Amino acid sequence: MPIEIRELNIRVSVTRSEQEQESTTAPGSVQSGAPDMDGLITECVEQVMELLRLRNER
């Protein structure tokens, strides 16, 4: 006889060590060596559009 799960509750607790909290920067700030988000998004969009174009050519 199969068992049916109607509701599943999952709880997760994530904590950072004190050292990790000190080493992270504030949200929205640019880190040196961090990728350019606009450039990254543009490149991803271009790759997706290329894949869609190739798929439509078939």
PDB file of N, CA and C in Angstrom:
ATOM      1  N   MET A   1       0.844  -1.170   0.000  1.00  0.00           N
ATOM      2  CA  MET A   1       0.000   0.000   0.000  1.00  0.00           C
ATOM      3  C   MET A   1       0.899   1.247   0.000  1.00  0.00           C
ATOM      4  N   PRO A   2       0.758   2.148  -0.996  1.00  0.00           N
ATOM      5  CA  PRO A   2       1.603   3.347  -1.078  1.00  0.00           C
ATOM      6  C   PRO A   2       1.250   4.356   0.016  1.00  0.00           C
ATOM      7  N   ILE A   3       2.243   5.143   0.388  1.00  0.00           N
ATOM      8  CA  ILE A   3       2.063   6.191   1.388  1.00  0.00           C
ATOM      9  C   ILE A   3       2.037   7.530   0.665  1.00  0.00           C
ATOM     10  N   GLU A   4       1.054   8.349   0.964  1.00  0.00           N
ATOM     11  CA  GLU A   4       0.938   9.662   0.348  1.00  0.00           C
ATOM     12  C   GLU A   4       1.292  10.724   1.375  1.00  0.00           C
ATOM     13  N   ILE A   5       2.232  11.602   1.025  1.00  0.00           N
ATOM     14  CA  ILE A   5       2.627  12.703   1.900  1.00  0.00           C
ATOM     15  C   ILE A   5       1.906  13.946   1.397  1.00  0.00           C
ATOM     16  N   ARG A   6       1.042  14.486   2.218  1.00  0.00           N
ATOM     17  CA  ARG A   6       0.257  15.654   1.820  1.00  0.00           C
ATOM     18  C   ARG A   6       0.934  16.966   2.190  1.00  0.00           C
ATOM     19  N   GLU A   7       1.714  16.950   3.220  1.00  0.00           N
ATOM     20  CA  GLU A   7       2.375  18.177   3.654  1.00  0.00           C
ATOM     21  C   GLU A   7       3.743  17.828   4.216  1.00  0.00           C
ATOM     22  N   LEU A   8       4.732  18.604   3.827  1.00  0.00           N
ATOM     23  CA  LEU A   8       6.089  18.370   4.290  1.00  0.00           C
ATOM     24  C   LEU A   8       6.654  19.698   4.787  1.00  0.00           C
ATOM     25  N   ASN A   9       7.053  19.737   6.041  1.00  0.00           N
ATOM     26  CA  ASN A   9       7.637  20.946   6.633  1.00  0.00           C
ATOM     27  C   ASN A   9       9.128  20.717   6.826  1.00  0.00           C
ATOM     28  N   ILE A  10       9.919  21.671   6.308  1.00  0.00           N
ATOM     29  CA  ILE A  10      11.372  21.595   6.447  1.00  0.00           C
ATOM     30  C   ILE A  10      11.835  22.888   7.087  1.00  0.00           C
ATOM     31  N   ARG A  11      12.616  22.775   8.143  1.00  0.00           N
ATOM     32  CA  ARG A  11      13.178  23.945   8.813  1.00  0.00           C
ATOM     33  C   ARG A  11      14.693  23.866   8.724  1.00  0.00           C
ATOM     34  N   VAL A  12      15.297  25.009   8.423  1.00  0.00           N
ATOM     35  CA  VAL A  12      16.745  25.077   8.289  1.00  0.00           C
ATOM     36  C   VAL A  12      17.240  26.275   9.078  1.00  0.00           C
ATOM     37  N   SER A  13      18.332  26.084   9.760  1.00  0.00           N
ATOM     38  CA  SER A  13      18.969  27.179  10.486  1.00  0.00           C
ATOM     39  C   SER A  13      20.391  27.322   9.960  1.00  0.00           C
ATOM     40  N   VAL A  14      20.704  28.501   9.451  1.00  0.00           N
ATOM     41  CA  VAL A  14      22.023  28.756   8.889  1.00  0.00           C
ATOM     42  C   VAL A  14      22.702  29.817   9.743  1.00  0.00           C
ATOM     43  N   THR A  15      23.902  29.512  10.186  1.00  0.00           N
ATOM     44  CA  THR A  15      24.669  30.484  10.964  1.00  0.00           C
ATOM     45  C   THR A  15      26.050  30.619  10.349  1.00  0.00           C
ATOM     46  N   ARG A  16      26.611  31.784  10.496  1.00  0.00           N
ATOM     47  CA  ARG A  16      27.960  32.041  10.005  1.00  0.00           C
ATOM     48  C   ARG A  16      28.882  32.187  11.201  1.00  0.00           C
ATOM     49  N   SER A  17      30.105  31.800  10.989  1.00  0.00           N
ATOM     50  CA  SER A  17      31.082  32.016  12.052  1.00  0.00           C
ATOM     51  C   SER A  17      31.401  33.505  12.122  1.00  0.00           C
ATOM     52  N   GLU A  18      31.930  33.946  13.227  1.00  0.00           N
ATOM     53  CA  GLU A  18      32.237  35.360  13.419  1.00  0.00           C
ATOM     54  C   GLU A  18      33.243  35.850  12.386  1.00  0.00           C
ATOM     55  N   GLN A  19      34.190  35.005  12.032  1.00  0.00           N
ATOM     56  CA  GLN A  19      35.217  35.376  11.057  1.00  0.00           C
ATOM     57  C   GLN A  19      34.587  35.594   9.678  1.00  0.00           C
ATOM     58  N   GLU A  20      33.650  34.751   9.270  1.00  0.00           N
ATOM     59  CA  GLU A  20      32.996  34.912   7.976  1.00  0.00           C
ATOM     60  C   GLU A  20      32.171  36.186   7.939  1.00  0.00           C
ATOM     61  N   GLN A  21      31.505  36.527   9.039  1.00  0.00           N
ATOM     62  CA  GLN A  21      30.696  37.739   9.080  1.00  0.00           C
ATOM     63  C   GLN A  21      31.558  38.981   8.934  1.00  0.00           C
ATOM     64  N   GLU A  22      32.741  38.981   9.521  1.00  0.00           N
ATOM     65  CA  GLU A  22      33.627  40.131   9.415  1.00  0.00           C
ATOM     66  C   GLU A  22      34.214  40.277   8.018  1.00  0.00           C
ATOM     67  N   SER A  23      34.414  39.159   7.325  1.00  0.00           N
ATOM     68  CA  SER A  23      35.053  39.213   6.013  1.00  0.00           C
ATOM     69  C   SER A  23      34.089  39.576   4.896  1.00  0.00           C
ATOM     70  N   THR A  24      32.776  39.465   5.125  1.00  0.00           N
ATOM     71  CA  THR A  24      31.814  39.809   4.078  1.00  0.00           C
ATOM     72  C   THR A  24      31.592  41.307   4.072  1.00  0.00           C
ATOM     73  N   THR A  25      31.225  41.822   2.895  1.00  0.00           N
ATOM     74  CA  THR A  25      30.967  43.246   2.767  1.00  0.00           C
ATOM     75  C   THR A  25      29.473  43.487   2.756  1.00  0.00           C
ATOM     76  N   ALA A  26      29.088  44.720   2.861  1.00  0.00           N
ATOM     77  CA  ALA A  26      27.674  45.083   2.875  1.00  0.00           C
ATOM     78  C   ALA A  26      27.041  44.769   1.525  1.00  0.00           C
ATOM     79  N   PRO A  27      25.755  44.414   1.512  1.00  0.00           N
ATOM     80  CA  PRO A  27      25.086  44.143   0.238  1.00  0.00           C
ATOM     81  C   PRO A  27      25.108  45.373  -0.654  1.00  0.00           C
ATOM     82  N   GLY A  28      25.321  45.154  -1.927  1.00  0.00           N
ATOM     83  CA  GLY A  28      25.356  46.240  -2.886  1.00  0.00           C
ATOM     84  C   GLY A  28      26.722  46.853  -3.082  1.00  0.00           C
ATOM     85  N   SER A  29      27.666  46.536  -2.238  1.00  0.00           N
ATOM     86  CA  SER A  29      29.000  47.087  -2.424  1.00  0.00           C
ATOM     87  C   SER A  29      29.783  46.207  -3.391  1.00  0.00           C
ATOM     88  N   VAL A  30      30.711  46.818  -4.088  1.00  0.00           N
ATOM     89  CA  VAL A  30      31.493  46.093  -5.084  1.00  0.00           C
ATOM     90  C   VAL A  30      32.807  45.661  -4.463  1.00  0.00           C
ATOM     91  N   GLN A  31      33.099  44.381  -4.551  1.00  0.00           N
ATOM     92  CA  GLN A  31      34.362  43.866  -4.050  1.00  0.00           C
ATOM     93  C   GLN A  31      35.381  43.896  -5.181  1.00  0.00           C
ATOM     94  N   SER A  32      36.645  44.088  -4.842  1.00  0.00           N
ATOM     95  CA  SER A  32      37.668  44.017  -5.871  1.00  0.00           C
ATOM     96  C   SER A  32      37.785  42.567  -6.313  1.00  0.00           C
ATOM     97  N   GLY A  33      37.819  42.337  -7.585  1.00  0.00           N
ATOM     98  CA  GLY A  33      37.908  40.982  -8.099  1.00  0.00           C
ATOM     99  C   GLY A  33      36.547  40.325  -8.266  1.00  0.00           C
ATOM    100  N   ALA A  34      35.474  40.964  -7.813  1.00  0.00           N
ATOM    101  CA  ALA A  34      34.131  40.412  -7.972  1.00  0.00           C
ATOM    102  C   ALA A  34      33.676  40.657  -9.404  1.00  0.00           C
ATOM    103  N   PRO A  35      32.919  39.726  -9.976  1.00  0.00           N
ATOM    104  CA  PRO A  35      32.484  39.897 -11.357  1.00  0.00           C
ATOM    105  C   PRO A  35      31.502  41.052 -11.495  1.00  0.00           C
ATOM    106  N   ASP A  36      31.536  41.697 -12.641  1.00  0.00           N
ATOM    107  CA  ASP A  36      30.613  42.775 -12.952  1.00  0.00           C
ATOM    108  C   ASP A  36      29.241  42.165 -13.179  1.00  0.00           C
ATOM    109  N   MET A  37      28.280  42.437 -12.325  1.00  0.00           N
ATOM    110  CA  MET A  37      26.967  41.801 -12.384  1.00  0.00           C
ATOM    111  C   MET A  37      26.236  42.136 -13.687  1.00  0.00           C
ATOM    112  N   ASP A  38      26.277  43.386 -14.133  1.00  0.00           N
ATOM    113  CA  ASP A  38      25.602  43.748 -15.378  1.00  0.00           C
ATOM    114  C   ASP A  38      26.220  43.017 -16.562  1.00  0.00           C
ATOM    115  N   GLY A  39      27.529  42.935 -16.582  1.00  0.00           N
ATOM    116  CA  GLY A  39      28.213  42.224 -17.659  1.00  0.00           C
ATOM    117  C   GLY A  39      27.914  40.742 -17.632  1.00  0.00           C
ATOM    118  N   LEU A  40      27.843  40.178 -16.437  1.00  0.00           N
ATOM    119  CA  LEU A  40      27.534  38.761 -16.284  1.00  0.00           C
ATOM    120  C   LEU A  40      26.116  38.462 -16.758  1.00  0.00           C
ATOM    121  N   ILE A  41      25.173  39.299 -16.381  1.00  0.00           N
ATOM    122  CA  ILE A  41      23.784  39.115 -16.798  1.00  0.00           C
ATOM    123  C   ILE A  41      23.669  39.250 -18.308  1.00  0.00           C
ATOM    124  N   THR A  42      24.338  40.219 -18.871  1.00  0.00           N
ATOM    125  CA  THR A  42      24.305  40.427 -20.329  1.00  0.00           C
ATOM    126  C   THR A  42      24.856  39.207 -21.057  1.00  0.00           C
ATOM    127  N   GLU A  43      25.957  38.676 -20.576  1.00  0.00           N
ATOM    128  CA  GLU A  43      26.551  37.496 -21.206  1.00  0.00           C
ATOM    129  C   GLU A  43      25.616  36.287 -21.113  1.00  0.00           C
ATOM    130  N   CYS A  44      24.980  36.103 -19.967  1.00  0.00           N
ATOM    131  CA  CYS A  44      24.041  34.982 -19.801  1.00  0.00           C
ATOM    132  C   CYS A  44      22.856  35.119 -20.751  1.00  0.00           C
ATOM    133  N   VAL A  45      22.315  36.329 -20.855  1.00  0.00           N
ATOM    134  CA  VAL A  45      21.180  36.560 -21.752  1.00  0.00           C
ATOM    135  C   VAL A  45      21.586  36.278 -23.190  1.00  0.00           C
ATOM    136  N   GLU A  46      22.775  36.712 -23.585  1.00  0.00           N
ATOM    137  CA  GLU A  46      23.239  36.462 -24.946  1.00  0.00           C
ATOM    138  C   GLU A  46      23.380  34.971 -25.225  1.00  0.00           C
ATOM    139  N   GLN A  47      23.898  34.217 -24.258  1.00  0.00           N
ATOM    140  CA  GLN A  47      24.059  32.779 -24.444  1.00  0.00           C
ATOM    141  C   GLN A  47      22.706  32.080 -24.543  1.00  0.00           C
ATOM    142  N   VAL A  48      21.746  32.495 -23.724  1.00  0.00           N
ATOM    143  CA  VAL A  48      20.404  31.901 -23.783  1.00  0.00           C
ATOM    144  C   VAL A  48      19.746  32.217 -25.121  1.00  0.00           C
ATOM    145  N   MET A  49      19.870  33.452 -25.578  1.00  0.00           N
ATOM    146  CA  MET A  49      19.275  33.829 -26.867  1.00  0.00           C
ATOM    147  C   MET A  49      19.906  33.036 -28.011  1.00  0.00           C
ATOM    148  N   GLU A  50      21.209  32.804 -27.953  1.00  0.00           N
ATOM    149  CA  GLU A  50      21.891  32.010 -28.972  1.00  0.00           C
ATOM    150  C   GLU A  50      21.385  30.575 -28.972  1.00  0.00           C
ATOM    151  N   LEU A  51      21.209  29.994 -27.790  1.00  0.00           N
ATOM    152  CA  LEU A  51      20.686  28.626 -27.700  1.00  0.00           C
ATOM    153  C   LEU A  51      19.263  28.540 -28.235  1.00  0.00           C
ATOM    154  N   LEU A  52      18.443  29.530 -27.921  1.00  0.00           N
ATOM    155  CA  LEU A  52      17.080  29.528 -28.440  1.00  0.00           C
ATOM    156  C   LEU A  52      17.063  29.690 -29.972  1.00  0.00           C
ATOM    157  N   ARG A  53      17.953  30.532 -30.479  1.00  0.00           N
ATOM    158  CA  ARG A  53      18.037  30.703 -31.935  1.00  0.00           C
ATOM    159  C   ARG A  53      18.441  29.406 -32.614  1.00  0.00           C
ATOM    160  N   LEU A  54      19.434  28.706 -32.042  1.00  0.00           N
ATOM    161  CA  LEU A  54      19.882  27.435 -32.608  1.00  0.00           C
ATOM    162  C   LEU A  54      18.781  26.384 -32.541  1.00  0.00           C
ATOM    163  N   ARG A  55      18.032  26.374 -31.469  1.00  0.00           N
ATOM    164  CA  ARG A  55      16.942  25.408 -31.304  1.00  0.00           C
ATOM    165  C   ARG A  55      15.832  25.663 -32.322  1.00  0.00           C
ATOM    166  N   ASN A  56      15.554  26.933 -32.613  1.00  0.00           N
ATOM    167  CA  ASN A  56      14.497  27.266 -33.561  1.00  0.00           C
ATOM    168  C   ASN A  56      14.906  26.992 -35.008  1.00  0.00           C
ATOM    169  N   GLU A  57      16.216  26.930 -35.286  1.00  0.00           N
ATOM    170  CA  GLU A  57      16.686  26.662 -36.642  1.00  0.00           C
ATOM    171  C   GLU A  57      16.490  25.205 -37.036  1.00  0.00           C
ATOM    172  N   ARG A  58      16.368  24.336 -36.086  1.00  0.00           N
ATOM    173  CA  ARG A  58      16.259  22.904 -36.393  1.00  0.00           C
ATOM    174  C   ARG A  58      15.011  22.575 -37.116  1.00  0.00           C
TER     175      ARG A  58
END
